[in-house]
Amino acid sequence: MTKNNNSALIRRDNNSLARRIDPTEKRVTPAADVFETPEAFVLRVDMPGVDRDSIRVTADSARLEISGKAGTLHADTANVLFTEIVKKSYYRVFNLTSGLAADRVEAEFENGVLIVVIPKSEQRKTKTIPIR
């Protein structure tokens, strides 16, 4: 294997395959969308390849922490000829503001997307003031 401008060239028999990889990177920051509803803040976090049992979501009054490990896509006994999918860990932290109910956070994971719902406390919810 030779290095050339962050590309690793892998040769096997008469075939050569090039890929870009940073082998020193241990954690991946997952992409996320954050949106607000009248009742809560909702996060959609992309975590492809993650096993549901490896996901950890923790919350306190100041921060929400998300982590998970991507598993291998092949059996340990398989003769791997070429791989670009590196086993990585996902990790992301979100700072929380006051007025959120961190003790009532809910999370759901489906098809590689983690959905986290952070309810607003009563004092944070928008109140409509009637006009007389």
N, C-alpha and C. Protein backbone atom coordinates (compact mmCIF):
# COMPACT_ATOMS: atom_id res chain seq x y z
N MET A 1 0.85 -1.16 0.00
CA MET A 1 0.00 0.00 0.00
C MET A 1 0.90 1.23 0.00
N THR A 2 0.61 2.19 -0.87
CA THR A 2 1.39 3.41 -0.96
C THR A 2 0.50 4.60 -0.67
N LYS A 3 1.10 5.67 -0.19
CA LYS A 3 0.36 6.90 0.11
C LYS A 3 0.60 7.91 -1.00
N ASN A 4 -0.48 8.59 -1.40
CA ASN A 4 -0.37 9.61 -2.44
C ASN A 4 -1.50 10.61 -2.25
N ASN A 5 -1.21 11.77 -1.70
CA ASN A 5 -2.21 12.82 -1.50
C ASN A 5 -3.47 12.33 -0.80
N ASN A 6 -3.31 11.72 0.36
CA ASN A 6 -4.41 11.21 1.16
C ASN A 6 -5.15 10.04 0.52
N SER A 7 -4.68 9.53 -0.58
CA SER A 7 -5.29 8.36 -1.18
C SER A 7 -4.43 7.16 -0.86
N ALA A 8 -5.07 6.07 -0.56
CA ALA A 8 -4.33 4.84 -0.34
C ALA A 8 -4.59 3.96 -1.56
N LEU A 9 -3.56 3.50 -2.19
CA LEU A 9 -3.70 2.64 -3.35
C LEU A 9 -3.54 1.21 -2.90
N ILE A 10 -4.53 0.41 -3.15
CA ILE A 10 -4.52 -0.98 -2.72
C ILE A 10 -4.41 -1.86 -3.95
N ARG A 11 -3.46 -2.77 -3.94
CA ARG A 11 -3.28 -3.67 -5.08
C ARG A 11 -3.57 -5.09 -4.65
N ARG A 12 -4.35 -5.78 -5.45
CA ARG A 12 -4.63 -7.18 -5.22
C ARG A 12 -4.61 -7.86 -6.57
N ASP A 13 -3.70 -8.80 -6.75
CA ASP A 13 -3.50 -9.46 -8.03
C ASP A 13 -3.21 -8.40 -9.09
N ASN A 14 -3.98 -8.38 -10.19
CA ASN A 14 -3.75 -7.41 -11.26
C ASN A 14 -4.69 -6.22 -11.17
N ASN A 15 -5.47 -6.17 -10.11
CA ASN A 15 -6.43 -5.07 -9.95
C ASN A 15 -5.88 -4.02 -9.00
N SER A 16 -6.14 -2.75 -9.30
CA SER A 16 -5.82 -1.70 -8.33
C SER A 16 -7.07 -0.91 -8.05
N LEU A 17 -7.25 -0.62 -6.79
CA LEU A 17 -8.42 0.12 -6.34
C LEU A 17 -7.93 1.27 -5.47
N ALA A 18 -8.43 2.46 -5.74
CA ALA A 18 -8.02 3.62 -4.95
C ALA A 18 -9.18 4.07 -4.09
N ARG A 19 -8.88 4.54 -2.89
CA ARG A 19 -9.91 5.06 -2.00
C ARG A 19 -9.32 6.15 -1.13
N ARG A 20 -10.17 7.02 -0.66
CA ARG A 20 -9.75 8.07 0.27
C ARG A 20 -10.17 7.64 1.65
N ILE A 21 -9.23 7.69 2.58
CA ILE A 21 -9.51 7.27 3.95
C ILE A 21 -8.54 7.96 4.89
N ASP A 22 -9.01 8.26 6.06
CA ASP A 22 -8.14 8.78 7.10
C ASP A 22 -8.14 7.74 8.22
N PRO A 23 -7.15 6.88 8.26
CA PRO A 23 -7.16 5.80 9.24
C PRO A 23 -7.02 6.27 10.68
N THR A 24 -6.63 7.53 10.89
CA THR A 24 -6.48 8.03 12.25
C THR A 24 -7.81 8.49 12.83
N GLU A 25 -8.81 8.71 11.99
CA GLU A 25 -10.10 9.18 12.46
C GLU A 25 -10.83 8.05 13.17
N LYS A 26 -11.12 8.24 14.45
CA LYS A 26 -11.78 7.21 15.25
C LYS A 26 -13.28 7.46 15.38
N ARG A 27 -13.67 8.73 15.38
CA ARG A 27 -15.07 9.09 15.56
C ARG A 27 -15.56 9.88 14.35
N VAL A 28 -16.80 9.65 14.02
CA VAL A 28 -17.46 10.37 12.95
C VAL A 28 -18.54 11.24 13.58
N THR A 29 -18.61 12.49 13.17
CA THR A 29 -19.67 13.38 13.64
C THR A 29 -20.85 13.18 12.70
N PRO A 30 -21.94 12.59 13.18
CA PRO A 30 -23.06 12.32 12.29
C PRO A 30 -23.79 13.60 11.89
N ALA A 31 -24.31 13.60 10.66
CA ALA A 31 -25.12 14.72 10.20
C ALA A 31 -26.42 14.75 10.98
N ALA A 32 -26.93 15.95 11.23
CA ALA A 32 -28.16 16.07 12.02
C ALA A 32 -29.01 17.22 11.51
N ASP A 33 -30.32 17.04 11.63
CA ASP A 33 -31.28 18.12 11.41
C ASP A 33 -31.95 18.37 12.75
N VAL A 34 -32.16 19.64 13.07
CA VAL A 34 -32.84 20.01 14.31
C VAL A 34 -34.00 20.90 13.93
N PHE A 35 -35.18 20.57 14.42
CA PHE A 35 -36.32 21.43 14.17
C PHE A 35 -37.17 21.54 15.42
N GLU A 36 -38.01 22.57 15.42
CA GLU A 36 -38.81 22.89 16.60
C GLU A 36 -40.29 22.72 16.29
N THR A 37 -41.01 22.13 17.22
CA THR A 37 -42.47 22.07 17.17
C THR A 37 -42.96 22.88 18.36
N PRO A 38 -44.25 23.12 18.47
CA PRO A 38 -44.73 23.86 19.64
C PRO A 38 -44.43 23.17 20.97
N GLU A 39 -44.32 21.84 20.95
CA GLU A 39 -44.14 21.07 22.18
C GLU A 39 -42.70 20.64 22.47
N ALA A 40 -41.82 20.61 21.44
CA ALA A 40 -40.49 20.01 21.64
C ALA A 40 -39.50 20.44 20.56
N PHE A 41 -38.25 20.11 20.80
CA PHE A 41 -37.21 20.18 19.78
C PHE A 41 -36.96 18.74 19.33
N VAL A 42 -36.80 18.55 18.03
CA VAL A 42 -36.62 17.22 17.47
C VAL A 42 -35.31 17.18 16.70
N LEU A 43 -34.51 16.14 16.95
CA LEU A 43 -33.25 15.94 16.23
C LEU A 43 -33.38 14.68 15.39
N ARG A 44 -32.95 14.74 14.15
CA ARG A 44 -32.84 13.57 13.28
C ARG A 44 -31.35 13.41 12.99
N VAL A 45 -30.78 12.32 13.44
CA VAL A 45 -29.34 12.10 13.36
C VAL A 45 -29.06 10.88 12.49
N ASP A 46 -28.29 11.05 11.41
CA ASP A 46 -27.94 9.94 10.52
C ASP A 46 -26.82 9.12 11.13
N MET A 47 -27.09 7.84 11.34
CA MET A 47 -26.09 6.92 11.90
C MET A 47 -26.15 5.59 11.15
N PRO A 48 -25.81 5.59 9.86
CA PRO A 48 -25.91 4.36 9.07
C PRO A 48 -24.96 3.28 9.58
N GLY A 49 -25.45 2.05 9.56
CA GLY A 49 -24.62 0.92 9.96
C GLY A 49 -24.54 0.68 11.45
N VAL A 50 -25.19 1.52 12.24
CA VAL A 50 -25.12 1.40 13.70
C VAL A 50 -26.10 0.34 14.18
N ASP A 51 -25.65 -0.47 15.11
CA ASP A 51 -26.50 -1.45 15.76
C ASP A 51 -27.28 -0.74 16.87
N ARG A 52 -28.58 -0.94 16.90
CA ARG A 52 -29.45 -0.28 17.89
C ARG A 52 -28.93 -0.45 19.32
N ASP A 53 -28.39 -1.63 19.63
CA ASP A 53 -27.92 -1.90 20.99
C ASP A 53 -26.67 -1.11 21.37
N SER A 54 -25.96 -0.57 20.38
CA SER A 54 -24.74 0.19 20.69
C SER A 54 -25.01 1.68 20.88
N ILE A 55 -26.23 2.13 20.61
CA ILE A 55 -26.55 3.56 20.71
C ILE A 55 -26.73 3.95 22.17
N ARG A 56 -26.16 5.09 22.50
CA ARG A 56 -26.30 5.63 23.86
C ARG A 56 -26.69 7.11 23.73
N VAL A 57 -27.78 7.47 24.38
CA VAL A 57 -28.24 8.85 24.41
C VAL A 57 -28.35 9.25 25.87
N THR A 58 -27.63 10.30 26.24
CA THR A 58 -27.70 10.81 27.61
C THR A 58 -28.02 12.30 27.57
N ALA A 59 -28.77 12.74 28.56
CA ALA A 59 -29.15 14.14 28.62
C ALA A 59 -29.14 14.62 30.05
N ASP A 60 -28.69 15.85 30.23
CA ASP A 60 -28.82 16.54 31.51
C ASP A 60 -29.29 17.95 31.19
N SER A 61 -29.30 18.82 32.15
CA SER A 61 -29.84 20.16 31.93
C SER A 61 -29.00 21.00 30.96
N ALA A 62 -27.76 20.60 30.71
CA ALA A 62 -26.88 21.42 29.88
C ALA A 62 -26.55 20.82 28.51
N ARG A 63 -26.63 19.48 28.38
CA ARG A 63 -26.20 18.89 27.10
C ARG A 63 -26.86 17.55 26.81
N LEU A 64 -26.90 17.25 25.53
CA LEU A 64 -27.39 15.97 25.03
C LEU A 64 -26.22 15.31 24.31
N GLU A 65 -25.91 14.08 24.68
CA GLU A 65 -24.77 13.37 24.10
C GLU A 65 -25.27 12.11 23.41
N ILE A 66 -24.82 11.92 22.16
CA ILE A 66 -25.24 10.77 21.35
C ILE A 66 -24.00 10.02 20.89
N SER A 67 -24.01 8.69 21.03
CA SER A 67 -22.91 7.88 20.53
C SER A 67 -23.44 6.54 20.06
N GLY A 68 -22.67 5.90 19.20
CA GLY A 68 -23.03 4.58 18.69
C GLY A 68 -21.90 4.02 17.85
N LYS A 69 -21.86 2.70 17.70
CA LYS A 69 -20.81 2.06 16.93
C LYS A 69 -21.40 1.38 15.70
N ALA A 70 -20.72 1.59 14.57
CA ALA A 70 -21.11 0.92 13.33
C ALA A 70 -20.48 -0.46 13.33
N GLY A 71 -21.29 -1.45 13.06
CA GLY A 71 -20.80 -2.82 13.02
C GLY A 71 -20.22 -3.18 11.67
N THR A 72 -19.69 -4.37 11.56
CA THR A 72 -19.16 -4.84 10.29
C THR A 72 -20.29 -5.40 9.45
N LEU A 73 -20.13 -5.31 8.14
CA LEU A 73 -21.16 -5.79 7.24
C LEU A 73 -20.90 -7.21 6.76
N HIS A 74 -19.81 -7.79 7.23
CA HIS A 74 -19.46 -9.14 6.79
C HIS A 74 -19.11 -9.99 8.00
N ALA A 75 -19.18 -11.27 7.82
CA ALA A 75 -18.85 -12.19 8.92
C ALA A 75 -17.36 -12.13 9.21
N ASP A 76 -17.00 -12.37 10.46
CA ASP A 76 -15.59 -12.34 10.86
C ASP A 76 -14.77 -13.39 10.13
N THR A 77 -15.42 -14.45 9.67
CA THR A 77 -14.70 -15.52 8.98
C THR A 77 -14.60 -15.29 7.48
N ALA A 78 -15.20 -14.21 6.98
CA ALA A 78 -15.19 -13.94 5.54
C ALA A 78 -13.79 -13.53 5.09
N ASN A 79 -13.46 -13.87 3.87
CA ASN A 79 -12.22 -13.45 3.24
C ASN A 79 -12.47 -12.12 2.55
N VAL A 80 -12.18 -11.02 3.22
CA VAL A 80 -12.47 -9.69 2.71
C VAL A 80 -11.44 -9.34 1.64
N LEU A 81 -11.91 -9.07 0.44
CA LEU A 81 -11.03 -8.73 -0.67
C LEU A 81 -10.77 -7.24 -0.78
N PHE A 82 -11.78 -6.45 -0.43
CA PHE A 82 -11.65 -5.01 -0.52
C PHE A 82 -12.72 -4.40 0.37
N THR A 83 -12.38 -3.38 1.11
CA THR A 83 -13.38 -2.71 1.94
C THR A 83 -13.11 -1.21 2.00
N GLU A 84 -14.18 -0.43 1.84
CA GLU A 84 -14.11 1.02 2.01
C GLU A 84 -14.91 1.46 3.22
N ILE A 85 -15.74 0.59 3.72
CA ILE A 85 -16.56 0.91 4.88
C ILE A 85 -15.77 0.54 6.12
N VAL A 86 -15.31 1.56 6.81
CA VAL A 86 -14.46 1.35 7.97
C VAL A 86 -15.33 1.35 9.22
N LYS A 87 -15.06 0.44 10.12
CA LYS A 87 -15.80 0.37 11.38
C LYS A 87 -15.46 1.61 12.19
N LYS A 88 -16.46 2.43 12.44
CA LYS A 88 -16.25 3.70 13.13
C LYS A 88 -17.25 3.87 14.26
N SER A 89 -16.98 4.84 15.10
CA SER A 89 -17.90 5.23 16.16
C SER A 89 -18.46 6.60 15.82
N TYR A 90 -19.74 6.78 16.08
CA TYR A 90 -20.39 8.07 15.90
C TYR A 90 -20.45 8.74 17.26
N TYR A 91 -20.26 10.07 17.26
CA TYR A 91 -20.32 10.82 18.52
C TYR A 91 -20.70 12.26 18.21
N ARG A 92 -21.68 12.76 18.97
CA ARG A 92 -22.09 14.15 18.80
C ARG A 92 -22.68 14.67 20.10
N VAL A 93 -22.40 15.93 20.41
CA VAL A 93 -22.92 16.58 21.60
C VAL A 93 -23.67 17.84 21.17
N PHE A 94 -24.84 18.04 21.78
CA PHE A 94 -25.62 19.25 21.55
C PHE A 94 -25.77 19.96 22.89
N ASN A 95 -25.54 21.27 22.91
CA ASN A 95 -25.74 22.06 24.12
C ASN A 95 -27.23 22.38 24.24
N LEU A 96 -27.77 22.21 25.42
CA LEU A 96 -29.18 22.48 25.66
C LEU A 96 -29.34 23.79 26.41
N THR A 97 -30.40 24.49 26.09
CA THR A 97 -30.68 25.74 26.80
C THR A 97 -31.66 25.45 27.92
N SER A 98 -31.88 26.43 28.75
CA SER A 98 -32.84 26.24 29.84
C SER A 98 -34.25 26.16 29.26
N GLY A 99 -35.13 25.59 30.03
CA GLY A 99 -36.51 25.48 29.59
C GLY A 99 -36.82 24.20 28.84
N LEU A 100 -35.88 23.24 28.85
CA LEU A 100 -36.12 21.95 28.22
C LEU A 100 -36.24 20.88 29.29
N ALA A 101 -37.07 19.91 29.05
CA ALA A 101 -37.29 18.84 30.02
C ALA A 101 -36.35 17.67 29.70
N ALA A 102 -35.09 17.78 30.12
CA ALA A 102 -34.09 16.75 29.83
C ALA A 102 -34.45 15.40 30.43
N ASP A 103 -35.25 15.41 31.48
CA ASP A 103 -35.64 14.15 32.12
C ASP A 103 -36.74 13.42 31.35
N ARG A 104 -37.28 14.04 30.31
CA ARG A 104 -38.34 13.40 29.52
C ARG A 104 -37.94 13.19 28.06
N VAL A 105 -36.64 13.18 27.76
CA VAL A 105 -36.15 12.97 26.40
C VAL A 105 -36.52 11.56 25.94
N GLU A 106 -36.96 11.45 24.70
CA GLU A 106 -37.29 10.16 24.11
C GLU A 106 -36.46 9.97 22.84
N ALA A 107 -36.11 8.72 22.54
CA ALA A 107 -35.32 8.43 21.34
C ALA A 107 -35.88 7.20 20.64
N GLU A 108 -35.78 7.22 19.31
CA GLU A 108 -36.25 6.11 18.48
C GLU A 108 -35.23 5.94 17.35
N PHE A 109 -34.97 4.69 16.97
CA PHE A 109 -33.99 4.42 15.91
C PHE A 109 -34.61 3.51 14.86
N GLU A 110 -34.57 3.97 13.61
CA GLU A 110 -35.13 3.17 12.53
C GLU A 110 -34.41 3.49 11.23
N ASN A 111 -34.02 2.45 10.52
CA ASN A 111 -33.38 2.58 9.21
C ASN A 111 -32.17 3.52 9.22
N GLY A 112 -31.35 3.44 10.25
CA GLY A 112 -30.13 4.22 10.31
C GLY A 112 -30.31 5.66 10.74
N VAL A 113 -31.51 6.03 11.18
CA VAL A 113 -31.77 7.41 11.61
C VAL A 113 -32.25 7.38 13.06
N LEU A 114 -31.56 8.13 13.90
CA LEU A 114 -31.94 8.28 15.30
C LEU A 114 -32.78 9.55 15.42
N ILE A 115 -33.98 9.42 16.00
CA ILE A 115 -34.84 10.58 16.22
C ILE A 115 -34.93 10.80 17.72
N VAL A 116 -34.53 11.99 18.16
CA VAL A 116 -34.54 12.34 19.57
C VAL A 116 -35.51 13.50 19.77
N VAL A 117 -36.42 13.34 20.70
CA VAL A 117 -37.41 14.38 21.00
C VAL A 117 -37.10 14.93 22.39
N ILE A 118 -36.87 16.24 22.45
CA ILE A 118 -36.58 16.92 23.71
C ILE A 118 -37.77 17.83 24.02
N PRO A 119 -38.64 17.43 24.94
CA PRO A 119 -39.82 18.24 25.24
C PRO A 119 -39.44 19.59 25.88
N LYS A 120 -40.26 20.57 25.60
CA LYS A 120 -40.10 21.87 26.24
C LYS A 120 -40.79 21.82 27.60
N SER A 121 -40.22 22.53 28.56
CA SER A 121 -40.90 22.65 29.85
C SER A 121 -42.04 23.66 29.68
N GLU A 122 -42.94 23.66 30.63
CA GLU A 122 -44.12 24.53 30.52
C GLU A 122 -43.75 26.00 30.34
N GLN A 123 -42.72 26.48 31.04
CA GLN A 123 -42.37 27.90 30.94
C GLN A 123 -41.76 28.24 29.58
N ARG A 124 -41.27 27.26 28.84
CA ARG A 124 -40.64 27.51 27.53
C ARG A 124 -41.66 27.49 26.39
N LYS A 125 -42.76 26.78 26.59
CA LYS A 125 -43.76 26.66 25.53
C LYS A 125 -44.34 28.02 25.19
N THR A 126 -44.57 28.23 23.92
CA THR A 126 -45.15 29.49 23.46
C THR A 126 -46.62 29.52 23.84
N LYS A 127 -47.00 30.62 24.45
CA LYS A 127 -48.39 30.79 24.87
C LYS A 127 -49.04 31.84 23.98
N THR A 128 -50.23 31.53 23.53
CA THR A 128 -50.99 32.48 22.73
C THR A 128 -51.81 33.33 23.69
N ILE A 129 -51.66 34.62 23.55
CA ILE A 129 -52.37 35.56 24.43
C ILE A 129 -53.64 36.02 23.71
N PRO A 130 -54.78 35.75 24.34
CA PRO A 130 -56.03 36.19 23.69
C PRO A 130 -56.14 37.72 23.69
N ILE A 131 -56.68 38.23 22.63
CA ILE A 131 -56.89 39.67 22.50
C ILE A 131 -58.34 39.98 22.89
N ARG A 132 -58.53 40.94 23.79
CA ARG A 132 -59.88 41.31 24.23
C ARG A 132 -60.33 42.56 23.56
